[in-house]
């Protein structure tokens, strides 16, 4: 278990987030978020960065790499959020299948609030947490990695996120194996 992070402000407003910045990257939701009400989610057509496309009736995200020079120059991490917030109780889990890592595997999977900027990967800004595919590290509210498991993503990998309100934990997985688990203080 890792150190505690305050997550009280996220309850009821957090959403699954997927960031793509690698040239020609593509990711898709494969096992739609399951939570307290048992309903999955889709990726939002409205709540996304302009460089990303939502395809497959909200189940796939595509990044062409056409604007990659701008993404690199401005150090952007374009994201798309889920079409609904994470339920306030129980467990919430979602998986993303990495269909194509692109040239530099710049893919981030995690959670953020509805007010997180759409141009910063999950984990780089306050109240966001993300597992990044290029270096395989985990970011918690900072552009510096909080944990360095060095487990990068490859094409075909399943990347999972479990937010468990019953145990106050957030867990990231890769290839259906736990990579890192965090304890949260949900009362702050």
Protein backbone atom coordinates (compact mmCIF):
# COMPACT_ATOMS: atom_id res chain seq x y z
CA UNK A 1 0.00 0.00 0.00
CA UNK A 2 1.12 3.50 -0.73
CA UNK A 3 0.78 6.72 1.18
CA UNK A 4 -2.61 8.34 1.72
CA UNK A 5 -3.99 10.96 -0.63
CA UNK A 6 -7.01 13.09 0.12
CA UNK A 7 -9.81 12.22 -2.29
CA UNK A 8 -12.87 13.62 -0.56
CA UNK A 9 -13.25 16.35 -3.18
CA UNK A 10 -13.45 13.75 -5.94
CA UNK A 11 -16.43 11.86 -4.60
CA UNK A 12 -19.40 12.30 -6.92
CA UNK A 13 -17.55 14.36 -9.48
CA UNK A 14 -14.70 12.13 -10.63
CA UNK A 15 -14.76 10.40 -13.96
CA UNK A 16 -12.66 7.88 -15.78
CA UNK A 17 -10.15 9.61 -18.03
CA UNK A 18 -8.03 8.54 -20.95
CA UNK A 19 -5.25 10.70 -22.35
CA UNK A 20 -3.56 10.12 -25.69
CA UNK A 21 -0.60 12.08 -27.00
CA UNK A 22 1.64 9.60 -28.79
CA UNK A 23 1.68 9.91 -32.55
CA UNK A 24 -1.20 7.81 -33.92
CA UNK A 25 -2.30 6.37 -30.55
CA UNK A 26 -5.58 4.59 -30.11
CA UNK A 27 -7.30 3.27 -27.00
CA UNK A 28 -10.78 2.01 -26.31
CA UNK A 29 -12.95 1.11 -23.37
CA UNK A 30 -13.25 -2.66 -23.21
CA UNK A 31 -15.00 -3.39 -19.93
CA UNK A 32 -17.18 -0.35 -19.26
CA UNK A 33 -17.01 1.20 -15.83
CA UNK A 34 -18.97 -0.79 -13.31
CA UNK A 35 -19.93 0.80 -10.06
CA UNK A 36 -22.53 1.14 -7.40
CA UNK A 37 -25.42 1.16 -9.88
CA UNK A 38 -23.92 -1.52 -12.16
CA UNK A 39 -24.11 0.73 -15.22
CA UNK A 40 -21.16 1.19 -17.52
CA UNK A 41 -20.10 4.43 -19.14
CA UNK A 42 -19.10 5.66 -22.56
CA UNK A 43 -16.46 8.20 -23.48
CA UNK A 44 -17.94 11.70 -23.79
CA UNK A 45 -18.20 13.36 -27.19
CA UNK A 46 -18.41 16.78 -25.51
CA UNK A 47 -16.02 16.45 -22.57
CA UNK A 48 -12.78 15.87 -24.49
CA UNK A 49 -9.77 17.65 -25.94
CA UNK A 50 -10.17 18.83 -29.53
CA UNK A 51 -7.31 16.60 -30.77
CA UNK A 52 -9.13 13.40 -29.77
CA UNK A 53 -11.97 11.64 -31.58
CA UNK A 54 -14.60 9.50 -29.88
CA UNK A 55 -15.59 6.60 -32.12
CA UNK A 56 -17.49 3.33 -31.96
CA UNK A 57 -20.60 4.80 -30.31
CA UNK A 58 -18.52 6.18 -27.42
CA UNK A 59 -16.44 3.06 -26.82
CA UNK A 60 -13.23 4.04 -28.64
CA UNK A 61 -10.82 6.96 -28.53
CA UNK A 62 -8.59 7.86 -31.47
CA UNK A 63 -5.68 10.27 -31.73
CA UNK A 64 -4.37 10.79 -35.27
CA UNK A 65 -1.05 12.36 -34.34
CA UNK A 66 -1.76 15.11 -36.87
CA UNK A 67 -1.17 17.75 -34.17
CA UNK A 68 1.69 15.91 -32.48
CA UNK A 69 4.18 18.76 -33.03
CA UNK A 70 1.89 21.11 -31.10
CA UNK A 71 1.28 18.50 -28.38
CA UNK A 72 5.04 18.09 -27.89
CA UNK A 73 5.85 21.81 -28.10
CA UNK A 74 3.19 22.82 -25.56
CA UNK A 75 3.65 19.66 -23.43
CA UNK A 76 -0.02 18.74 -23.75
CA UNK A 77 -1.70 15.57 -22.57
CA UNK A 78 -5.10 15.59 -24.32
CA UNK A 79 -7.80 13.68 -22.41
CA UNK A 80 -11.37 12.52 -22.75
CA UNK A 81 -13.64 11.95 -19.76
CA UNK A 82 -16.42 9.47 -19.17
CA UNK A 83 -19.97 10.56 -19.95
CA UNK A 84 -20.98 10.36 -16.25
CA UNK A 85 -19.39 10.72 -12.81
CA UNK A 86 -18.10 7.82 -10.76
CA UNK A 87 -20.77 6.56 -8.32
CA UNK A 88 -20.31 7.75 -4.72
CA UNK A 89 -20.23 4.31 -3.14
CA UNK A 90 -19.11 0.73 -3.62
CA UNK A 91 -16.57 -0.12 -6.28
CA UNK A 92 -15.96 1.46 -9.65
CA UNK A 93 -13.82 -0.38 -12.19
CA UNK A 94 -12.98 0.21 -15.81
CA UNK A 95 -10.51 -1.23 -18.28
CA UNK A 96 -9.01 0.20 -21.42
CA UNK A 97 -7.59 -1.98 -24.17
CA UNK A 98 -4.60 -0.30 -25.79
CA UNK A 99 -5.20 -0.98 -29.47
CA UNK A 100 -2.19 0.96 -30.71
CA UNK A 101 0.45 2.70 -28.57
CA UNK A 102 1.55 5.00 -31.38
CA UNK A 103 5.19 5.93 -31.85
CA UNK A 104 5.94 6.92 -28.24
CA UNK A 105 3.26 5.21 -26.12
CA UNK A 106 2.02 8.51 -24.65
CA UNK A 107 -1.19 7.16 -23.15
CA UNK A 108 -2.50 7.89 -19.65
CA UNK A 109 -5.36 6.06 -17.96
CA UNK A 110 -6.84 7.26 -14.68
CA UNK A 111 -9.39 9.37 -12.88
CA UNK A 112 -9.91 13.10 -12.59
CA UNK A 113 -12.56 15.63 -11.64
CA UNK A 114 -14.92 17.27 -14.10
CA UNK A 115 -12.93 20.50 -13.68
CA UNK A 116 -9.55 18.97 -14.56
CA UNK A 117 -8.11 20.59 -17.70
CA UNK A 118 -8.65 18.66 -20.92
CA UNK A 119 -5.04 19.26 -22.04
CA UNK A 120 -3.24 17.54 -19.13
CA UNK A 121 -2.91 13.78 -18.63
CA UNK A 122 -4.62 12.23 -15.60
CA UNK A 123 -2.24 12.47 -12.65
CA UNK A 124 -0.54 15.70 -13.73
CA UNK A 125 -2.98 18.10 -12.02
CA UNK A 126 -4.64 18.31 -8.58
CA UNK A 127 -7.37 15.73 -7.91
CA UNK A 128 -6.25 13.47 -10.74
CA UNK A 129 -4.42 10.15 -10.71
CA UNK A 130 -3.03 8.33 -13.73
CA UNK A 131 -1.01 5.36 -14.96
CA UNK A 132 1.11 6.41 -17.95
CA UNK A 133 2.08 4.10 -20.80
CA UNK A 134 5.29 5.70 -22.05
CA UNK A 135 7.29 5.20 -18.83
CA UNK A 136 4.92 2.84 -16.99
CA UNK A 137 4.80 5.12 -13.98
CA UNK A 138 1.97 6.41 -11.80
CA UNK A 139 1.27 10.08 -11.26
CA UNK A 140 -0.69 11.55 -8.35
CA UNK A 141 -1.56 15.23 -8.64
CA UNK A 142 1.90 16.12 -10.04
CA UNK A 143 3.97 15.95 -13.22
CA UNK A 144 6.57 14.05 -11.19
CA UNK A 145 5.85 10.33 -10.81
CA UNK A 146 4.66 9.29 -7.35
CA UNK A 147 5.48 5.65 -8.02
CA UNK A 148 7.84 4.18 -10.54
CA UNK A 149 6.85 0.56 -11.21
CA UNK A 150 8.25 0.99 -14.76
CA UNK A 151 5.46 -1.03 -16.40
CA UNK A 152 4.93 0.62 -19.84
CA UNK A 153 1.96 -0.20 -22.06
CA UNK A 154 2.18 -2.21 -25.26
CA UNK A 155 -0.36 -2.76 -28.00
CA UNK A 156 -3.02 -5.22 -26.83
CA UNK A 157 -2.55 -4.59 -23.09
CA UNK A 158 -5.54 -4.16 -20.80
CA UNK A 159 -5.10 -1.30 -18.33
CA UNK A 160 -7.50 -1.21 -15.37
CA UNK A 161 -8.53 1.29 -12.72
CA UNK A 162 -10.43 0.29 -9.56
CA UNK A 163 -11.73 2.91 -7.14
CA UNK A 164 -13.00 1.08 -4.06
CA UNK A 165 -14.92 3.29 -1.63
CA UNK A 166 -15.48 0.34 0.74
CA UNK A 167 -11.73 -0.04 1.31
CA UNK A 168 -10.69 3.55 0.47
CA UNK A 169 -8.28 2.37 -2.22
CA UNK A 170 -7.38 3.17 -5.81
CA UNK A 171 -5.70 0.37 -7.76
CA UNK A 172 -4.08 0.41 -11.19
CA UNK A 173 -3.54 -2.81 -13.12
CA UNK A 174 -1.86 -3.88 -16.34
CA UNK A 175 -2.58 -7.16 -18.13
CA UNK A 176 -5.07 -7.92 -15.31
CA UNK A 177 -2.32 -7.85 -12.65
CA UNK A 178 -2.11 -5.25 -9.90
CA UNK A 179 0.61 -2.66 -10.46
CA UNK A 180 -0.04 -0.23 -7.60
CA UNK A 181 -2.63 0.24 -4.86
CA UNK A 182 -3.16 3.46 -2.88
CA UNK A 183 -4.98 4.18 0.35
CA UNK A 184 -7.25 7.21 0.29
CA UNK A 185 -8.63 9.41 3.01
CA UNK A 186 -12.17 9.91 1.73
CA UNK A 187 -13.30 12.08 4.62
CA UNK A 188 -11.27 15.18 3.76
